[in-house]
Amino acid sequence: MLKHPFLEVTYRKGKPFAGYLYLREPASEGRCHTEEIRPGVLADFGDDGEALGIEFLSPGSVTIDDLRAIERRLRTVPVPAEDLAPILAQ
């Protein structure tokens, strides 16, 4: 069971290539769907409509303000910025 959100980052040639922020586990084995939240950012939703995770296709193009706006839109708990450093724009 997922107790806290966590970030998984895929690197290519030493640079972040993609990232996935796991927010929670699905409530059931039901289907999920994906929506584009903004260019290069996708969100997965469980069959209950709650966000399961956020995929970042272009790490480094998202600012902390962008992420906070996405968290508010999805009604998720804010993740500490230091946990997200590999995908945030510097």
PDB file of N, CA and C in Angstrom:
ATOM      1  N   MET A   1       0.838  -1.190   0.000  1.00  0.00           N
ATOM      2  CA  MET A   1       0.000   0.000   0.000  1.00  0.00           C
ATOM      3  C   MET A   1       0.878   1.246   0.000  1.00  0.00           C
ATOM      4  N   LEU A   2       0.528   2.199  -0.813  1.00  0.00           N
ATOM      5  CA  LEU A   2       1.267   3.448  -0.956  1.00  0.00           C
ATOM      6  C   LEU A   2       0.908   4.378   0.195  1.00  0.00           C
ATOM      7  N   LYS A   3       1.891   4.693   1.042  1.00  0.00           N
ATOM      8  CA  LYS A   3       1.628   5.560   2.195  1.00  0.00           C
ATOM      9  C   LYS A   3       1.870   7.027   1.872  1.00  0.00           C
ATOM     10  N   HIS A   4       2.845   7.306   1.002  1.00  0.00           N
ATOM     11  CA  HIS A   4       3.194   8.673   0.640  1.00  0.00           C
ATOM     12  C   HIS A   4       3.438   8.737  -0.856  1.00  0.00           C
ATOM     13  N   PRO A   5       3.115   9.877  -1.482  1.00  0.00           N
ATOM     14  CA  PRO A   5       3.439  10.029  -2.898  1.00  0.00           C
ATOM     15  C   PRO A   5       4.949   9.884  -3.104  1.00  0.00           C
ATOM     16  N   PHE A   6       5.335   9.320  -4.241  1.00  0.00           N
ATOM     17  CA  PHE A   6       6.762   9.253  -4.547  1.00  0.00           C
ATOM     18  C   PHE A   6       6.977   9.418  -6.041  1.00  0.00           C
ATOM     19  N   LEU A   7       8.177   9.904  -6.365  1.00  0.00           N
ATOM     20  CA  LEU A   7       8.553  10.203  -7.739  1.00  0.00           C
ATOM     21  C   LEU A   7       9.498   9.139  -8.265  1.00  0.00           C
ATOM     22  N   GLU A   8       9.200   8.660  -9.459  1.00  0.00           N
ATOM     23  CA  GLU A   8      10.094   7.736 -10.161  1.00  0.00           C
ATOM     24  C   GLU A   8      10.574   8.467 -11.419  1.00  0.00           C
ATOM     25  N   VAL A   9      11.881   8.519 -11.599  1.00  0.00           N
ATOM     26  CA  VAL A   9      12.452   9.250 -12.732  1.00  0.00           C
ATOM     27  C   VAL A   9      13.255   8.297 -13.604  1.00  0.00           C
ATOM     28  N   THR A  10      13.062   8.418 -14.905  1.00  0.00           N
ATOM     29  CA  THR A  10      13.841   7.663 -15.879  1.00  0.00           C
ATOM     30  C   THR A  10      14.888   8.616 -16.455  1.00  0.00           C
ATOM     31  N   TYR A  11      16.134   8.176 -16.444  1.00  0.00           N
ATOM     32  CA  TYR A  11      17.231   8.997 -16.955  1.00  0.00           C
ATOM     33  C   TYR A  11      17.754   8.428 -18.269  1.00  0.00           C
ATOM     34  N   ARG A  12      18.232   9.325 -19.109  1.00  0.00           N
ATOM     35  CA  ARG A  12      18.871   8.942 -20.364  1.00  0.00           C
ATOM     36  C   ARG A  12      20.105   9.823 -20.511  1.00  0.00           C
ATOM     37  N   LYS A  13      21.237   9.186 -20.652  1.00  0.00           N
ATOM     38  CA  LYS A  13      22.515   9.904 -20.762  1.00  0.00           C
ATOM     39  C   LYS A  13      22.705  10.863 -19.585  1.00  0.00           C
ATOM     40  N   GLY A  14      22.285  10.431 -18.395  1.00  0.00           N
ATOM     41  CA  GLY A  14      22.495  11.215 -17.179  1.00  0.00           C
ATOM     42  C   GLY A  14      21.532  12.353 -16.950  1.00  0.00           C
ATOM     43  N   LYS A  15      20.539  12.504 -17.812  1.00  0.00           N
ATOM     44  CA  LYS A  15      19.564  13.582 -17.666  1.00  0.00           C
ATOM     45  C   LYS A  15      18.168  13.000 -17.535  1.00  0.00           C
ATOM     46  N   PRO A  16      17.293  13.664 -16.747  1.00  0.00           N
ATOM     47  CA  PRO A  16      15.920  13.164 -16.609  1.00  0.00           C
ATOM     48  C   PRO A  16      15.223  13.111 -17.964  1.00  0.00           C
ATOM     49  N   PHE A  17      14.648  11.975 -18.260  1.00  0.00           N
ATOM     50  CA  PHE A  17      13.973  11.748 -19.537  1.00  0.00           C
ATOM     51  C   PHE A  17      12.453  11.778 -19.368  1.00  0.00           C
ATOM     52  N   ALA A  18      11.979  11.239 -18.258  1.00  0.00           N
ATOM     53  CA  ALA A  18      10.547  11.211 -17.939  1.00  0.00           C
ATOM     54  C   ALA A  18      10.416  11.005 -16.434  1.00  0.00           C
ATOM     55  N   GLY A  19       9.273  11.390 -15.908  1.00  0.00           N
ATOM     56  CA  GLY A  19       9.025  11.194 -14.482  1.00  0.00           C
ATOM     57  C   GLY A  19       7.581  10.808 -14.249  1.00  0.00           C
ATOM     58  N   TYR A  20       7.367  10.028 -13.187  1.00  0.00           N
ATOM     59  CA  TYR A  20       6.005   9.651 -12.814  1.00  0.00           C
ATOM     60  C   TYR A  20       5.860   9.848 -11.319  1.00  0.00           C
ATOM     61  N   LEU A  21       4.894  10.650 -10.935  1.00  0.00           N
ATOM     62  CA  LEU A  21       4.607  10.912  -9.534  1.00  0.00           C
ATOM     63  C   LEU A  21       3.426  10.031  -9.126  1.00  0.00           C
ATOM     64  N   TYR A  22       3.724   9.012  -8.328  1.00  0.00           N
ATOM     65  CA  TYR A  22       2.681   8.120  -7.820  1.00  0.00           C
ATOM     66  C   TYR A  22       1.978   8.824  -6.667  1.00  0.00           C
ATOM     67  N   LEU A  23       0.668   8.990  -6.772  1.00  0.00           N
ATOM     68  CA  LEU A  23      -0.099   9.685  -5.741  1.00  0.00           C
ATOM     69  C   LEU A  23      -0.805   8.716  -4.800  1.00  0.00           C
ATOM     70  N   ARG A  24      -1.365   7.668  -5.354  1.00  0.00           N
ATOM     71  CA  ARG A  24      -2.065   6.664  -4.547  1.00  0.00           C
ATOM     72  C   ARG A  24      -2.277   5.415  -5.382  1.00  0.00           C
ATOM     73  N   GLU A  25      -2.630   4.347  -4.711  1.00  0.00           N
ATOM     74  CA  GLU A  25      -2.936   3.104  -5.408  1.00  0.00           C
ATOM     75  C   GLU A  25      -4.410   3.120  -5.811  1.00  0.00           C
ATOM     76  N   PRO A  26      -4.750   2.386  -6.868  1.00  0.00           N
ATOM     77  CA  PRO A  26      -6.163   2.321  -7.269  1.00  0.00           C
ATOM     78  C   PRO A  26      -7.011   1.738  -6.140  1.00  0.00           C
ATOM     79  N   ALA A  27      -8.225   2.246  -6.005  1.00  0.00           N
ATOM     80  CA  ALA A  27      -9.150   1.750  -4.980  1.00  0.00           C
ATOM     81  C   ALA A  27      -9.654   0.354  -5.319  1.00  0.00           C
ATOM     82  N   SER A  28      -9.610   0.002  -6.604  1.00  0.00           N
ATOM     83  CA  SER A  28     -10.095  -1.310  -7.032  1.00  0.00           C
ATOM     84  C   SER A  28      -9.312  -1.737  -8.270  1.00  0.00           C
ATOM     85  N   GLU A  29      -9.625  -2.901  -8.763  1.00  0.00           N
ATOM     86  CA  GLU A  29      -8.985  -3.409  -9.981  1.00  0.00           C
ATOM     87  C   GLU A  29      -9.657  -2.850 -11.236  1.00  0.00           C
ATOM     88  N   GLY A  30     -10.493  -1.853 -11.065  1.00  0.00           N
ATOM     89  CA  GLY A  30     -11.223  -1.283 -12.195  1.00  0.00           C
ATOM     90  C   GLY A  30     -10.319  -0.587 -13.192  1.00  0.00           C
ATOM     91  N   ARG A  31     -10.916  -0.046 -14.185  1.00  0.00           N
ATOM     92  CA  ARG A  31     -10.194   0.615 -15.257  1.00  0.00           C
ATOM     93  C   ARG A  31      -9.724   1.990 -14.812  1.00  0.00           C
ATOM     94  N   CYS A  32      -8.722   2.482 -15.487  1.00  0.00           N
ATOM     95  CA  CYS A  32      -8.300   3.859 -15.263  1.00  0.00           C
ATOM     96  C   CYS A  32      -8.237   4.558 -16.617  1.00  0.00           C
ATOM     97  N   HIS A  33      -8.212   5.867 -16.569  1.00  0.00           N
ATOM     98  CA  HIS A  33      -8.081   6.623 -17.807  1.00  0.00           C
ATOM     99  C   HIS A  33      -7.042   7.724 -17.617  1.00  0.00           C
ATOM    100  N   THR A  34      -6.534   8.207 -18.720  1.00  0.00           N
ATOM    101  CA  THR A  34      -5.481   9.214 -18.718  1.00  0.00           C
ATOM    102  C   THR A  34      -5.988  10.468 -19.411  1.00  0.00           C
ATOM    103  N   GLU A  35      -5.630  11.627 -18.841  1.00  0.00           N
ATOM    104  CA  GLU A  35      -5.986  12.915 -19.435  1.00  0.00           C
ATOM    105  C   GLU A  35      -4.734  13.774 -19.527  1.00  0.00           C
ATOM    106  N   GLU A  36      -4.629  14.535 -20.605  1.00  0.00           N
ATOM    107  CA  GLU A  36      -3.544  15.499 -20.702  1.00  0.00           C
ATOM    108  C   GLU A  36      -3.933  16.718 -19.876  1.00  0.00           C
ATOM    109  N   ILE A  37      -3.113  17.049 -18.881  1.00  0.00           N
ATOM    110  CA  ILE A  37      -3.389  18.173 -17.986  1.00  0.00           C
ATOM    111  C   ILE A  37      -2.854  19.471 -18.582  1.00  0.00           C
ATOM    112  N   ARG A  38      -1.716  19.377 -19.199  1.00  0.00           N
ATOM    113  CA  ARG A  38      -1.080  20.470 -19.935  1.00  0.00           C
ATOM    114  C   ARG A  38      -0.092  19.799 -20.875  1.00  0.00           C
ATOM    115  N   PRO A  39       0.453  20.493 -21.856  1.00  0.00           N
ATOM    116  CA  PRO A  39       1.396  19.840 -22.763  1.00  0.00           C
ATOM    117  C   PRO A  39       2.540  19.175 -21.987  1.00  0.00           C
ATOM    118  N   GLY A  40       2.736  17.884 -22.241  1.00  0.00           N
ATOM    119  CA  GLY A  40       3.807  17.142 -21.609  1.00  0.00           C
ATOM    120  C   GLY A  40       3.511  16.632 -20.212  1.00  0.00           C
ATOM    121  N   VAL A  41       2.280  16.853 -19.741  1.00  0.00           N
ATOM    122  CA  VAL A  41       1.898  16.384 -18.399  1.00  0.00           C
ATOM    123  C   VAL A  41       0.564  15.634 -18.506  1.00  0.00           C
ATOM    124  N   LEU A  42       0.590  14.360 -18.108  1.00  0.00           N
ATOM    125  CA  LEU A  42      -0.592  13.510 -18.160  1.00  0.00           C
ATOM    126  C   LEU A  42      -0.954  13.075 -16.754  1.00  0.00           C
ATOM    127  N   ALA A  43      -2.244  12.895 -16.510  1.00  0.00           N
ATOM    128  CA  ALA A  43      -2.694  12.388 -15.210  1.00  0.00           C
ATOM    129  C   ALA A  43      -3.505  11.119 -15.428  1.00  0.00           C
ATOM    130  N   ASP A  44      -3.260  10.140 -14.567  1.00  0.00           N
ATOM    131  CA  ASP A  44      -4.021   8.892 -14.580  1.00  0.00           C
ATOM    132  C   ASP A  44      -5.062   8.959 -13.465  1.00  0.00           C
ATOM    133  N   PHE A  45      -6.279   8.516 -13.786  1.00  0.00           N
ATOM    134  CA  PHE A  45      -7.386   8.539 -12.839  1.00  0.00           C
ATOM    135  C   PHE A  45      -7.960   7.139 -12.679  1.00  0.00           C
ATOM    136  N   GLY A  46      -8.331   6.794 -11.450  1.00  0.00           N
ATOM    137  CA  GLY A  46      -8.975   5.520 -11.181  1.00  0.00           C
ATOM    138  C   GLY A  46     -10.435   5.569 -11.572  1.00  0.00           C
ATOM    139  N   ASP A  47     -11.094   4.426 -11.484  1.00  0.00           N
ATOM    140  CA  ASP A  47     -12.508   4.382 -11.853  1.00  0.00           C
ATOM    141  C   ASP A  47     -13.374   5.194 -10.902  1.00  0.00           C
ATOM    142  N   ASP A  48     -12.817   5.603  -9.756  1.00  0.00           N
ATOM    143  CA  ASP A  48     -13.539   6.464  -8.821  1.00  0.00           C
ATOM    144  C   ASP A  48     -13.363   7.943  -9.144  1.00  0.00           C
ATOM    145  N   GLY A  49     -12.573   8.249 -10.184  1.00  0.00           N
ATOM    146  CA  GLY A  49     -12.358   9.629 -10.602  1.00  0.00           C
ATOM    147  C   GLY A  49     -11.219  10.335  -9.884  1.00  0.00           C
ATOM    148  N   GLU A  50     -10.596   9.684  -8.913  1.00  0.00           N
ATOM    149  CA  GLU A  50      -9.495  10.285  -8.163  1.00  0.00           C
ATOM    150  C   GLU A  50      -8.173  10.067  -8.902  1.00  0.00           C
ATOM    151  N   ALA A  51      -7.275  11.050  -8.808  1.00  0.00           N
ATOM    152  CA  ALA A  51      -5.982  10.955  -9.479  1.00  0.00           C
ATOM    153  C   ALA A  51      -5.111   9.872  -8.844  1.00  0.00           C
ATOM    154  N   LEU A  52      -4.510   9.049  -9.704  1.00  0.00           N
ATOM    155  CA  LEU A  52      -3.593   7.995  -9.267  1.00  0.00           C
ATOM    156  C   LEU A  52      -2.139   8.438  -9.396  1.00  0.00           C
ATOM    157  N   GLY A  53      -1.858   9.220 -10.430  1.00  0.00           N
ATOM    158  CA  GLY A  53      -0.482   9.641 -10.658  1.00  0.00           C
ATOM    159  C   GLY A  53      -0.395  10.669 -11.770  1.00  0.00           C
ATOM    160  N   ILE A  54       0.773  11.285 -11.840  1.00  0.00           N
ATOM    161  CA  ILE A  54       1.031  12.323 -12.835  1.00  0.00           C
ATOM    162  C   ILE A  54       2.303  11.946 -13.586  1.00  0.00           C
ATOM    163  N   GLU A  55       2.223  11.936 -14.916  1.00  0.00           N
ATOM    164  CA  GLU A  55       3.387  11.621 -15.740  1.00  0.00           C
ATOM    165  C   GLU A  55       3.932  12.905 -16.363  1.00  0.00           C
ATOM    166  N   PHE A  56       5.239  13.087 -16.263  1.00  0.00           N
ATOM    167  CA  PHE A  56       5.917  14.249 -16.822  1.00  0.00           C
ATOM    168  C   PHE A  56       6.767  13.774 -17.992  1.00  0.00           C
ATOM    169  N   LEU A  57       6.374  14.155 -19.202  1.00  0.00           N
ATOM    170  CA  LEU A  57       7.069  13.702 -20.403  1.00  0.00           C
ATOM    171  C   LEU A  57       8.283  14.554 -20.722  1.00  0.00           C
ATOM    172  N   SER A  58       8.341  15.751 -20.143  1.00  0.00           N
ATOM    173  CA  SER A  58       9.474  16.660 -20.370  1.00  0.00           C
ATOM    174  C   SER A  58       9.953  17.212 -19.038  1.00  0.00           C
ATOM    175  N   PRO A  59      10.640  16.391 -18.240  1.00  0.00           N
ATOM    176  CA  PRO A  59      11.151  16.907 -16.968  1.00  0.00           C
ATOM    177  C   PRO A  59      12.003  18.143 -17.199  1.00  0.00           C
ATOM    178  N   GLY A  60      11.910  19.073 -16.298  1.00  0.00           N
ATOM    179  CA  GLY A  60      12.659  20.313 -16.438  1.00  0.00           C
ATOM    180  C   GLY A  60      11.856  21.417 -17.092  1.00  0.00           C
ATOM    181  N   SER A  61      10.674  21.077 -17.623  1.00  0.00           N
ATOM    182  CA  SER A  61       9.834  22.107 -18.240  1.00  0.00           C
ATOM    183  C   SER A  61       8.696  22.523 -17.306  1.00  0.00           C
ATOM    184  N   VAL A  62       8.623  21.902 -16.138  1.00  0.00           N
ATOM    185  CA  VAL A  62       7.558  22.195 -15.176  1.00  0.00           C
ATOM    186  C   VAL A  62       8.152  22.964 -14.002  1.00  0.00           C
ATOM    187  N   THR A  63       7.520  24.075 -13.641  1.00  0.00           N
ATOM    188  CA  THR A  63       7.964  24.850 -12.482  1.00  0.00           C
ATOM    189  C   THR A  63       7.181  24.391 -11.249  1.00  0.00           C
ATOM    190  N   ILE A  64       7.644  24.806 -10.092  1.00  0.00           N
ATOM    191  CA  ILE A  64       6.925  24.469  -8.859  1.00  0.00           C
ATOM    192  C   ILE A  64       5.526  25.095  -8.882  1.00  0.00           C
ATOM    193  N   ASP A  65       5.391  26.293  -9.450  1.00  0.00           N
ATOM    194  CA  ASP A  65       4.066  26.927  -9.557  1.00  0.00           C
ATOM    195  C   ASP A  65       3.145  26.112 -10.464  1.00  0.00           C
ATOM    196  N   ASP A  66       3.694  25.590 -11.570  1.00  0.00           N
ATOM    197  CA  ASP A  66       2.915  24.730 -12.458  1.00  0.00           C
ATOM    198  C   ASP A  66       2.418  23.505 -11.686  1.00  0.00           C
ATOM    199  N   LEU A  67       3.336  22.884 -10.946  1.00  0.00           N
ATOM    200  CA  LEU A  67       2.981  21.675 -10.212  1.00  0.00           C
ATOM    201  C   LEU A  67       1.927  21.971  -9.149  1.00  0.00           C
ATOM    202  N   ARG A  68       2.062  23.076  -8.438  1.00  0.00           N
ATOM    203  CA  ARG A  68       1.066  23.426  -7.409  1.00  0.00           C
ATOM    204  C   ARG A  68      -0.309  23.651  -8.049  1.00  0.00           C
ATOM    205  N   ALA A  69      -0.337  24.256  -9.224  1.00  0.00           N
ATOM    206  CA  ALA A  69      -1.611  24.454  -9.937  1.00  0.00           C
ATOM    207  C   ALA A  69      -2.214  23.106 -10.332  1.00  0.00           C
ATOM    208  N   ILE A  70      -1.372  22.171 -10.773  1.00  0.00           N
ATOM    209  CA  ILE A  70      -1.852  20.828 -11.130  1.00  0.00           C
ATOM    210  C   ILE A  70      -2.386  20.127  -9.892  1.00  0.00           C
ATOM    211  N   GLU A  71      -1.669  20.222  -8.771  1.00  0.00           N
ATOM    212  CA  GLU A  71      -2.126  19.596  -7.519  1.00  0.00           C
ATOM    213  C   GLU A  71      -3.477  20.164  -7.081  1.00  0.00           C
ATOM    214  N   ARG A  72      -3.644  21.484  -7.194  1.00  0.00           N
ATOM    215  CA  ARG A  72      -4.940  22.094  -6.830  1.00  0.00           C
ATOM    216  C   ARG A  72      -6.049  21.591  -7.757  1.00  0.00           C
ATOM    217  N   ARG A  73      -5.755  21.539  -9.044  1.00  0.00           N
ATOM    218  CA  ARG A  73      -6.751  21.073 -10.022  1.00  0.00           C
ATOM    219  C   ARG A  73      -7.182  19.637  -9.736  1.00  0.00           C
ATOM    220  N   LEU A  74      -6.200  18.789  -9.365  1.00  0.00           N
ATOM    221  CA  LEU A  74      -6.490  17.377  -9.117  1.00  0.00           C
ATOM    222  C   LEU A  74      -6.918  17.114  -7.669  1.00  0.00           C
ATOM    223  N   ARG A  75      -6.871  18.163  -6.851  1.00  0.00           N
ATOM    224  CA  ARG A  75      -7.225  18.051  -5.422  1.00  0.00           C
ATOM    225  C   ARG A  75      -6.363  17.008  -4.711  1.00  0.00           C
ATOM    226  N   THR A  76      -5.042  17.131  -4.895  1.00  0.00           N
ATOM    227  CA  THR A  76      -4.102  16.216  -4.252  1.00  0.00           C
ATOM    228  C   THR A  76      -3.306  16.962  -3.187  1.00  0.00           C
ATOM    229  N   VAL A  77      -2.679  16.223  -2.325  1.00  0.00           N
ATOM    230  CA  VAL A  77      -1.844  16.797  -1.266  1.00  0.00           C
ATOM    231  C   VAL A  77      -0.546  17.299  -1.893  1.00  0.00           C
ATOM    232  N   PRO A  78      -0.097  18.508  -1.556  1.00  0.00           N
ATOM    233  CA  PRO A  78       1.165  19.005  -2.107  1.00  0.00           C
ATOM    234  C   PRO A  78       2.346  18.118  -1.708  1.00  0.00           C
ATOM    235  N   VAL A  79       3.187  17.830  -2.672  1.00  0.00           N
ATOM    236  CA  VAL A  79       4.390  17.033  -2.454  1.00  0.00           C
ATOM    237  C   VAL A  79       5.532  18.025  -2.213  1.00  0.00           C
ATOM    238  N   PRO A  80       6.391  17.776  -1.217  1.00  0.00           N
ATOM    239  CA  PRO A  80       7.509  18.703  -0.961  1.00  0.00           C
ATOM    240  C   PRO A  80       8.362  18.930  -2.212  1.00  0.00           C
ATOM    241  N   ALA A  81       8.719  20.179  -2.457  1.00  0.00           N
ATOM    242  CA  ALA A  81       9.496  20.534  -3.647  1.00  0.00           C
ATOM    243  C   ALA A  81      10.805  19.765  -3.729  1.00  0.00           C
ATOM    244  N   GLU A  82      11.460  19.513  -2.585  1.00  0.00           N
ATOM    245  CA  GLU A  82      12.735  18.795  -2.629  1.00  0.00           C
ATOM    246  C   GLU A  82      12.562  17.369  -3.144  1.00  0.00           C
ATOM    247  N   ASP A  83      11.369  16.784  -2.969  1.00  0.00           N
ATOM    248  CA  ASP A  83      11.105  15.441  -3.492  1.00  0.00           C
ATOM    249  C   ASP A  83      10.924  15.454  -5.004  1.00  0.00           C
ATOM    250  N   LEU A  84      10.684  16.627  -5.568  1.00  0.00           N
ATOM    251  CA  LEU A  84      10.396  16.757  -6.992  1.00  0.00           C
ATOM    252  C   LEU A  84      11.533  17.385  -7.784  1.00  0.00           C
ATOM    253  N   ALA A  85      12.638  17.677  -7.133  1.00  0.00           N
ATOM    254  CA  ALA A  85      13.743  18.401  -7.759  1.00  0.00           C
ATOM    255  C   ALA A  85      14.172  17.858  -9.119  1.00  0.00           C
ATOM    256  N   PRO A  86      14.229  16.535  -9.337  1.00  0.00           N
ATOM    257  CA  PRO A  86      14.712  16.054 -10.653  1.00  0.00           C
ATOM    258  C   PRO A  86      13.828  16.426 -11.838  1.00  0.00           C
ATOM    259  N   ILE A  87      12.576  16.789 -11.601  1.00  0.00           N
ATOM    260  CA  ILE A  87      11.704  17.099 -12.743  1.00  0.00           C
ATOM    261  C   ILE A  87      11.355  18.577 -12.850  1.00  0.00           C
ATOM    262  N   LEU A  88      11.711  19.367 -11.859  1.00  0.00           N
ATOM    263  CA  LEU A  88      11.346  20.785 -11.865  1.00  0.00           C
ATOM    264  C   LEU A  88      12.337  21.613 -12.660  1.00  0.00           C
ATOM    265  N   ALA A  89      11.820  22.671 -13.311  1.00  0.00           N
ATOM    266  CA  ALA A  89      12.675  23.611 -14.029  1.00  0.00           C
ATOM    267  C   ALA A  89      13.546  24.329 -13.013  1.00  0.00           C
ATOM    268  N   GLN A  90      14.793  24.516 -13.350  1.00  0.00           N
ATOM    269  CA  GLN A  90      15.740  25.159 -12.423  1.00  0.00           C
ATOM    270  C   GLN A  90      15.810  26.643 -12.674  1.00  0.00           C
TER     271      GLN A  90
END
